[in-house]
């Protein structure tokens, strides 16, 4: 499965969050790519894993606990057509 994790950070903590996000080496899930973006979110991470539960675990146990991360929104990729 693939999901896009939209990440908001605290002002002044963006560089530290980026450094921490770059170090995530999930067991069953991986952060495939990470981009800093403009707009309401600071980063968009593309994550891949074997199940929705595994992706949820990565988001809550690895991404959500990073100092400076204030909110995440997970958007699961789906096939249409």
PDB file of N, CA and C in Angstrom:
ATOM      1  N   UNK A   1       0.838  -1.176   0.000  1.00  0.00           N
ATOM      2  CA  UNK A   1       0.000   0.000   0.000  1.00  0.00           C
ATOM      3  C   UNK A   1       0.882   1.238   0.000  1.00  0.00           C
ATOM      4  N   UNK A   2       0.326   2.307  -0.536  1.00  0.00           N
ATOM      5  CA  UNK A   2       1.033   3.585  -0.549  1.00  0.00           C
ATOM      6  C   UNK A   2       0.129   4.643   0.054  1.00  0.00           C
ATOM      7  N   UNK A   3       0.743   5.571   0.800  1.00  0.00           N
ATOM      8  CA  UNK A   3      -0.008   6.675   1.399  1.00  0.00           C
ATOM      9  C   UNK A   3       0.839   7.936   1.367  1.00  0.00           C
ATOM     10  N   UNK A   4       0.151   9.055   1.360  1.00  0.00           N
ATOM     11  CA  UNK A   4       0.793  10.367   1.440  1.00  0.00           C
ATOM     12  C   UNK A   4       0.519  10.894   2.841  1.00  0.00           C
ATOM     13  N   UNK A   5       1.579  11.250   3.551  1.00  0.00           N
ATOM     14  CA  UNK A   5       1.428  11.777   4.900  1.00  0.00           C
ATOM     15  C   UNK A   5       1.732  13.273   4.852  1.00  0.00           C
ATOM     16  N   UNK A   6       0.718  14.075   5.124  1.00  0.00           N
ATOM     17  CA  UNK A   6       0.847  15.522   5.125  1.00  0.00           C
ATOM     18  C   UNK A   6       1.234  15.928   6.543  1.00  0.00           C
ATOM     19  N   UNK A   7       2.325  16.661   6.672  1.00  0.00           N
ATOM     20  CA  UNK A   7       2.897  16.917   7.989  1.00  0.00           C
ATOM     21  C   UNK A   7       2.988  18.410   8.254  1.00  0.00           C
ATOM     22  N   UNK A   8       2.441  18.827   9.399  1.00  0.00           N
ATOM     23  CA  UNK A   8       2.559  20.214   9.854  1.00  0.00           C
ATOM     24  C   UNK A   8       3.565  20.255  10.993  1.00  0.00           C
ATOM     25  N   UNK A   9       4.361  21.335  11.036  1.00  0.00           N
ATOM     26  CA  UNK A   9       5.366  21.462  12.077  1.00  0.00           C
ATOM     27  C   UNK A   9       5.227  22.784  12.822  1.00  0.00           C
ATOM     28  N   UNK A  10       5.861  22.833  13.989  1.00  0.00           N
ATOM     29  CA  UNK A  10       5.925  24.041  14.787  1.00  0.00           C
ATOM     30  C   UNK A  10       6.928  24.998  14.147  1.00  0.00           C
ATOM     31  N   UNK A  11       6.624  26.292  14.168  1.00  0.00           N
ATOM     32  CA  UNK A  11       7.543  27.296  13.632  1.00  0.00           C
ATOM     33  C   UNK A  11       8.892  27.173  14.324  1.00  0.00           C
ATOM     34  N   UNK A  12       9.954  27.219  13.534  1.00  0.00           N
ATOM     35  CA  UNK A  12      11.296  27.134  14.077  1.00  0.00           C
ATOM     36  C   UNK A  12      11.823  25.723  14.245  1.00  0.00           C
ATOM     37  N   UNK A  13      10.987  24.713  14.019  1.00  0.00           N
ATOM     38  CA  UNK A  13      11.406  23.323  14.205  1.00  0.00           C
ATOM     39  C   UNK A  13      11.495  22.554  12.888  1.00  0.00           C
ATOM     40  N   UNK A  14      11.257  23.242  11.783  1.00  0.00           N
ATOM     41  CA  UNK A  14      11.160  22.569  10.489  1.00  0.00           C
ATOM     42  C   UNK A  14      12.433  21.818  10.116  1.00  0.00           C
ATOM     43  N   UNK A  15      13.595  22.435  10.305  1.00  0.00           N
ATOM     44  CA  UNK A  15      14.851  21.766   9.941  1.00  0.00           C
ATOM     45  C   UNK A  15      15.091  20.524  10.792  1.00  0.00           C
ATOM     46  N   UNK A  16      14.800  20.612  12.076  1.00  0.00           N
ATOM     47  CA  UNK A  16      14.961  19.453  12.953  1.00  0.00           C
ATOM     48  C   UNK A  16      14.012  18.329  12.592  1.00  0.00           C
ATOM     49  N   UNK A  17      12.782  18.697  12.229  1.00  0.00           N
ATOM     50  CA  UNK A  17      11.800  17.687  11.815  1.00  0.00           C
ATOM     51  C   UNK A  17      12.283  16.994  10.546  1.00  0.00           C
ATOM     52  N   UNK A  18      12.797  17.774   9.599  1.00  0.00           N
ATOM     53  CA  UNK A  18      13.287  17.182   8.350  1.00  0.00           C
ATOM     54  C   UNK A  18      14.403  16.193   8.635  1.00  0.00           C
ATOM     55  N   UNK A  19      15.302  16.555   9.507  1.00  0.00           N
ATOM     56  CA  UNK A  19      16.419  15.671   9.853  1.00  0.00           C
ATOM     57  C   UNK A  19      15.893  14.374  10.458  1.00  0.00           C
ATOM     58  N   UNK A  20      14.936  14.479  11.375  1.00  0.00           N
ATOM     59  CA  UNK A  20      14.363  13.288  12.014  1.00  0.00           C
ATOM     60  C   UNK A  20      13.588  12.423  11.025  1.00  0.00           C
ATOM     61  N   UNK A  21      12.820  13.065  10.132  1.00  0.00           N
ATOM     62  CA  UNK A  21      12.063  12.313   9.133  1.00  0.00           C
ATOM     63  C   UNK A  21      12.995  11.547   8.195  1.00  0.00           C
ATOM     64  N   UNK A  22      14.127  12.160   7.864  1.00  0.00           N
ATOM     65  CA  UNK A  22      15.084  11.521   6.961  1.00  0.00           C
ATOM     66  C   UNK A  22      15.733  10.286   7.576  1.00  0.00           C
ATOM     67  N   UNK A  23      15.726  10.194   8.899  1.00  0.00           N
ATOM     68  CA  UNK A  23      16.359   9.074   9.594  1.00  0.00           C
ATOM     69  C   UNK A  23      15.421   7.897   9.825  1.00  0.00           C
ATOM     70  N   UNK A  24      14.137   8.048   9.517  1.00  0.00           N
ATOM     71  CA  UNK A  24      13.179   6.967   9.788  1.00  0.00           C
ATOM     72  C   UNK A  24      13.487   5.770   8.904  1.00  0.00           C
ATOM     73  N   UNK A  25      13.708   4.653   9.559  1.00  0.00           N
ATOM     74  CA  UNK A  25      13.948   3.393   8.865  1.00  0.00           C
ATOM     75  C   UNK A  25      12.962   2.380   9.425  1.00  0.00           C
ATOM     76  N   UNK A  26      11.722   2.459   8.938  1.00  0.00           N
ATOM     77  CA  UNK A  26      10.689   1.563   9.444  1.00  0.00           C
ATOM     78  C   UNK A  26      10.991   0.121   9.111  1.00  0.00           C
ATOM     79  N   UNK A  27      10.548  -0.771   9.956  1.00  0.00           N
ATOM     80  CA  UNK A  27      10.758  -2.190   9.719  1.00  0.00           C
ATOM     81  C   UNK A  27       9.947  -2.691   8.539  1.00  0.00           C
ATOM     82  N   UNK A  28       8.644  -2.618   8.665  1.00  0.00           N
ATOM     83  CA  UNK A  28       7.768  -3.110   7.598  1.00  0.00           C
ATOM     84  C   UNK A  28       7.400  -2.027   6.610  1.00  0.00           C
ATOM     85  N   UNK A  29       7.501  -0.763   7.011  1.00  0.00           N
ATOM     86  CA  UNK A  29       7.144   0.360   6.147  1.00  0.00           C
ATOM     87  C   UNK A  29       8.369   1.210   5.882  1.00  0.00           C
ATOM     88  N   UNK A  30       8.327   1.926   4.769  1.00  0.00           N
ATOM     89  CA  UNK A  30       9.434   2.817   4.435  1.00  0.00           C
ATOM     90  C   UNK A  30       8.906   4.179   4.030  1.00  0.00           C
ATOM     91  N   UNK A  31       9.711   5.198   4.304  1.00  0.00           N
ATOM     92  CA  UNK A  31       9.432   6.536   3.780  1.00  0.00           C
ATOM     93  C   UNK A  31      10.109   6.568   2.418  1.00  0.00           C
ATOM     94  N   UNK A  32       9.305   6.475   1.378  1.00  0.00           N
ATOM     95  CA  UNK A  32       9.816   6.378   0.013  1.00  0.00           C
ATOM     96  C   UNK A  32      10.406   7.695  -0.451  1.00  0.00           C
ATOM     97  N   UNK A  33       9.732   8.807  -0.134  1.00  0.00           N
ATOM     98  CA  UNK A  33      10.252  10.128  -0.478  1.00  0.00           C
ATOM     99  C   UNK A  33       9.694  11.153   0.491  1.00  0.00           C
ATOM    100  N   UNK A  34      10.377  12.282   0.569  1.00  0.00           N
ATOM    101  CA  UNK A  34       9.997  13.353   1.476  1.00  0.00           C
ATOM    102  C   UNK A  34      10.244  14.677   0.771  1.00  0.00           C
ATOM    103  N   UNK A  35       9.215  15.510   0.708  1.00  0.00           N
ATOM    104  CA  UNK A  35       9.343  16.824   0.082  1.00  0.00           C
ATOM    105  C   UNK A  35       8.857  17.903   1.025  1.00  0.00           C
ATOM    106  N   UNK A  36       9.618  18.997   1.111  1.00  0.00           N
ATOM    107  CA  UNK A  36       9.144  20.197   1.788  1.00  0.00           C
ATOM    108  C   UNK A  36       8.246  20.918   0.794  1.00  0.00           C
ATOM    109  N   UNK A  37       7.119  21.434   1.265  1.00  0.00           N
ATOM    110  CA  UNK A  37       6.153  22.075   0.377  1.00  0.00           C
ATOM    111  C   UNK A  37       5.674  23.397   0.981  1.00  0.00           C
ATOM    112  N   UNK A  38       5.089  24.230   0.128  1.00  0.00           N
ATOM    113  CA  UNK A  38       4.471  25.458   0.606  1.00  0.00           C
ATOM    114  C   UNK A  38       2.991  25.205   0.812  1.00  0.00           C
ATOM    115  N   UNK A  39       2.350  26.077   1.555  1.00  0.00           N
ATOM    116  CA  UNK A  39       0.920  25.924   1.817  1.00  0.00           C
ATOM    117  C   UNK A  39       0.671  25.562   3.260  1.00  0.00           C
ATOM    118  N   UNK A  40      -0.458  24.926   3.541  1.00  0.00           N
ATOM    119  CA  UNK A  40      -0.817  24.630   4.930  1.00  0.00           C
ATOM    120  C   UNK A  40       0.039  23.533   5.565  1.00  0.00           C
ATOM    121  N   UNK A  41       0.748  22.742   4.746  1.00  0.00           N
ATOM    122  CA  UNK A  41       1.597  21.673   5.264  1.00  0.00           C
ATOM    123  C   UNK A  41       3.054  22.041   5.027  1.00  0.00           C
ATOM    124  N   UNK A  42       3.934  21.463   5.811  1.00  0.00           N
ATOM    125  CA  UNK A  42       5.364  21.726   5.673  1.00  0.00           C
ATOM    126  C   UNK A  42       6.089  20.627   4.902  1.00  0.00           C
ATOM    127  N   UNK A  43       5.602  19.393   5.031  1.00  0.00           N
ATOM    128  CA  UNK A  43       6.199  18.262   4.327  1.00  0.00           C
ATOM    129  C   UNK A  43       5.110  17.333   3.827  1.00  0.00           C
ATOM    130  N   UNK A  44       5.425  16.636   2.737  1.00  0.00           N
ATOM    131  CA  UNK A  44       4.611  15.510   2.286  1.00  0.00           C
ATOM    132  C   UNK A  44       5.554  14.329   2.159  1.00  0.00           C
ATOM    133  N   UNK A  45       5.246  13.271   2.904  1.00  0.00           N
ATOM    134  CA  UNK A  45       6.030  12.043   2.853  1.00  0.00           C
ATOM    135  C   UNK A  45       5.225  10.986   2.107  1.00  0.00           C
ATOM    136  N   UNK A  46       5.884  10.285   1.205  1.00  0.00           N
ATOM    137  CA  UNK A  46       5.269   9.142   0.541  1.00  0.00           C
ATOM    138  C   UNK A  46       5.760   7.908   1.284  1.00  0.00           C
ATOM    139  N   UNK A  47       4.826   7.174   1.871  1.00  0.00           N
ATOM    140  CA  UNK A  47       5.193   5.974   2.633  1.00  0.00           C
ATOM    141  C   UNK A  47       4.573   4.742   1.988  1.00  0.00           C
ATOM    142  N   UNK A  48       5.280   3.636   2.109  1.00  0.00           N
ATOM    143  CA  UNK A  48       4.791   2.379   1.562  1.00  0.00           C
ATOM    144  C   UNK A  48       4.907   1.293   2.614  1.00  0.00           C
ATOM    145  N   UNK A  49       3.903   0.425   2.637  1.00  0.00           N
ATOM    146  CA  UNK A  49       3.903  -0.667   3.598  1.00  0.00           C
ATOM    147  C   UNK A  49       2.944  -1.753   3.178  1.00  0.00           C
ATOM    148  N   UNK A  50       2.981  -2.883   3.873  1.00  0.00           N
ATOM    149  CA  UNK A  50       2.170  -4.031   3.486  1.00  0.00           C
ATOM    150  C   UNK A  50       0.684  -3.901   3.818  1.00  0.00           C
ATOM    151  N   UNK A  51       0.337  -3.009   4.748  1.00  0.00           N
ATOM    152  CA  UNK A  51      -1.064  -2.894   5.149  1.00  0.00           C
ATOM    153  C   UNK A  51      -1.347  -1.505   5.702  1.00  0.00           C
ATOM    154  N   UNK A  52      -2.617  -1.186   5.808  1.00  0.00           N
ATOM    155  CA  UNK A  52      -3.019   0.083   6.390  1.00  0.00           C
ATOM    156  C   UNK A  52      -2.598   0.158   7.855  1.00  0.00           C
ATOM    157  N   UNK A  53      -2.680  -0.948   8.560  1.00  0.00           N
ATOM    158  CA  UNK A  53      -2.250  -0.976   9.960  1.00  0.00           C
ATOM    159  C   UNK A  53      -0.763  -0.668  10.094  1.00  0.00           C
ATOM    160  N   UNK A  54       0.050  -1.220   9.204  1.00  0.00           N
ATOM    161  CA  UNK A  54       1.495  -0.973   9.253  1.00  0.00           C
ATOM    162  C   UNK A  54       1.798   0.500   8.971  1.00  0.00           C
ATOM    163  N   UNK A  55       1.102   1.084   8.017  1.00  0.00           N
ATOM    164  CA  UNK A  55       1.294   2.503   7.715  1.00  0.00           C
ATOM    165  C   UNK A  55       0.841   3.346   8.903  1.00  0.00           C
ATOM    166  N   UNK A  56      -0.287   3.001   9.489  1.00  0.00           N
ATOM    167  CA  UNK A  56      -0.778   3.721  10.660  1.00  0.00           C
ATOM    168  C   UNK A  56       0.206   3.660  11.813  1.00  0.00           C
ATOM    169  N   UNK A  57       0.822   2.516  11.988  1.00  0.00           N
ATOM    170  CA  UNK A  57       1.810   2.361  13.048  1.00  0.00           C
ATOM    171  C   UNK A  57       3.031   3.240  12.785  1.00  0.00           C
ATOM    172  N   UNK A  58       3.492   3.302  11.542  1.00  0.00           N
ATOM    173  CA  UNK A  58       4.615   4.161  11.183  1.00  0.00           C
ATOM    174  C   UNK A  58       4.291   5.618  11.478  1.00  0.00           C
ATOM    175  N   UNK A  59       3.082   6.044  11.110  1.00  0.00           N
ATOM    176  CA  UNK A  59       2.685   7.441  11.310  1.00  0.00           C
ATOM    177  C   UNK A  59       2.587   7.772  12.796  1.00  0.00           C
ATOM    178  N   UNK A  60       1.973   6.910  13.572  1.00  0.00           N
ATOM    179  CA  UNK A  60       1.774   7.225  14.988  1.00  0.00           C
ATOM    180  C   UNK A  60       3.016   7.002  15.838  1.00  0.00           C
ATOM    181  N   UNK A  61       3.801   5.976  15.532  1.00  0.00           N
ATOM    182  CA  UNK A  61       4.938   5.632  16.383  1.00  0.00           C
ATOM    183  C   UNK A  61       6.267   6.217  15.937  1.00  0.00           C
ATOM    184  N   UNK A  62       6.382   6.621  14.680  1.00  0.00           N
ATOM    185  CA  UNK A  62       7.649   7.154  14.188  1.00  0.00           C
ATOM    186  C   UNK A  62       7.554   8.622  13.770  1.00  0.00           C
ATOM    187  N   UNK A  63       6.513   8.976  13.056  1.00  0.00           N
ATOM    188  CA  UNK A  63       6.394  10.346  12.559  1.00  0.00           C
ATOM    189  C   UNK A  63       5.735  11.258  13.592  1.00  0.00           C
ATOM    190  N   UNK A  64       4.616  10.836  14.144  1.00  0.00           N
ATOM    191  CA  UNK A  64       3.846  11.678  15.057  1.00  0.00           C
ATOM    192  C   UNK A  64       4.549  12.047  16.347  1.00  0.00           C
ATOM    193  N   UNK A  65       5.551  11.269  16.739  1.00  0.00           N
ATOM    194  CA  UNK A  65       6.245  11.542  18.000  1.00  0.00           C
ATOM    195  C   UNK A  65       7.456  12.459  17.847  1.00  0.00           C
ATOM    196  N   UNK A  66       7.785  12.840  16.620  1.00  0.00           N
ATOM    197  CA  UNK A  66       8.946  13.706  16.393  1.00  0.00           C
ATOM    198  C   UNK A  66       8.682  15.072  17.010  1.00  0.00           C
ATOM    199  N   UNK A  67       9.661  15.570  17.763  1.00  0.00           N
ATOM    200  CA  UNK A  67       9.557  16.895  18.372  1.00  0.00           C
ATOM    201  C   UNK A  67       9.404  17.942  17.274  1.00  0.00           C
ATOM    202  N   UNK A  68       8.313  18.681  17.308  1.00  0.00           N
ATOM    203  CA  UNK A  68       8.038  19.705  16.312  1.00  0.00           C
ATOM    204  C   UNK A  68       6.921  19.348  15.351  1.00  0.00           C
ATOM    205  N   UNK A  69       6.563  18.068  15.274  1.00  0.00           N
ATOM    206  CA  UNK A  69       5.420  17.667  14.442  1.00  0.00           C
ATOM    207  C   UNK A  69       4.156  17.963  15.238  1.00  0.00           C
ATOM    208  N   UNK A  70       3.290  18.806  14.667  1.00  0.00           N
ATOM    209  CA  UNK A  70       2.069  19.175  15.374  1.00  0.00           C
ATOM    210  C   UNK A  70       0.842  18.413  14.876  1.00  0.00           C
ATOM    211  N   UNK A  71       0.864  18.010  13.616  1.00  0.00           N
ATOM    212  CA  UNK A  71      -0.305  17.316  13.062  1.00  0.00           C
ATOM    213  C   UNK A  71       0.111  16.543  11.817  1.00  0.00           C
ATOM    214  N   UNK A  72      -0.528  15.389  11.637  1.00  0.00           N
ATOM    215  CA  UNK A  72      -0.347  14.631  10.405  1.00  0.00           C
ATOM    216  C   UNK A  72      -1.714  14.303   9.830  1.00  0.00           C
ATOM    217  N   UNK A  73      -1.774  14.238   8.534  1.00  0.00           N
ATOM    218  CA  UNK A  73      -2.964  13.781   7.821  1.00  0.00           C
ATOM    219  C   UNK A  73      -2.513  12.719   6.836  1.00  0.00           C
ATOM    220  N   UNK A  74      -3.078  11.532   6.941  1.00  0.00           N
ATOM    221  CA  UNK A  74      -2.681  10.432   6.090  1.00  0.00           C
ATOM    222  C   UNK A  74      -3.717  10.216   5.003  1.00  0.00           C
ATOM    223  N   UNK A  75      -3.245  10.228   3.764  1.00  0.00           N
ATOM    224  CA  UNK A  75      -4.109  10.029   2.601  1.00  0.00           C
ATOM    225  C   UNK A  75      -3.668   8.740   1.907  1.00  0.00           C
ATOM    226  N   UNK A  76      -4.494   7.701   1.965  1.00  0.00           N
ATOM    227  CA  UNK A  76      -4.164   6.420   1.370  1.00  0.00           C
ATOM    228  C   UNK A  76      -4.424   6.479  -0.136  1.00  0.00           C
ATOM    229  N   UNK A  77      -3.446   6.029  -0.915  1.00  0.00           N
ATOM    230  CA  UNK A  77      -3.595   5.995  -2.367  1.00  0.00           C
ATOM    231  C   UNK A  77      -4.530   4.843  -2.748  1.00  0.00           C
ATOM    232  N   UNK A  78      -5.427   5.096  -3.692  1.00  0.00           N
ATOM    233  CA  UNK A  78      -6.371   4.070  -4.153  1.00  0.00           C
ATOM    234  C   UNK A  78      -6.328   3.991  -5.669  1.00  0.00           C
ATOM    235  N   UNK A  79      -6.701   2.834  -6.186  1.00  0.00           N
ATOM    236  CA  UNK A  79      -6.792   2.645  -7.628  1.00  0.00           C
ATOM    237  C   UNK A  79      -8.210   2.965  -8.086  1.00  0.00           C
ATOM    238  N   UNK A  80      -8.309   3.760  -9.141  1.00  0.00           N
ATOM    239  CA  UNK A  80      -9.622   4.116  -9.679  1.00  0.00           C
ATOM    240  C   UNK A  80      -9.666   3.667 -11.139  1.00  0.00           C
ATOM    241  N   UNK A  81     -10.734   2.957 -11.477  1.00  0.00           N
ATOM    242  CA  UNK A  81     -10.918   2.561 -12.864  1.00  0.00           C
ATOM    243  C   UNK A  81     -10.486   1.223 -13.182  1.00  0.00           C
TER     244      UNK A  81
END
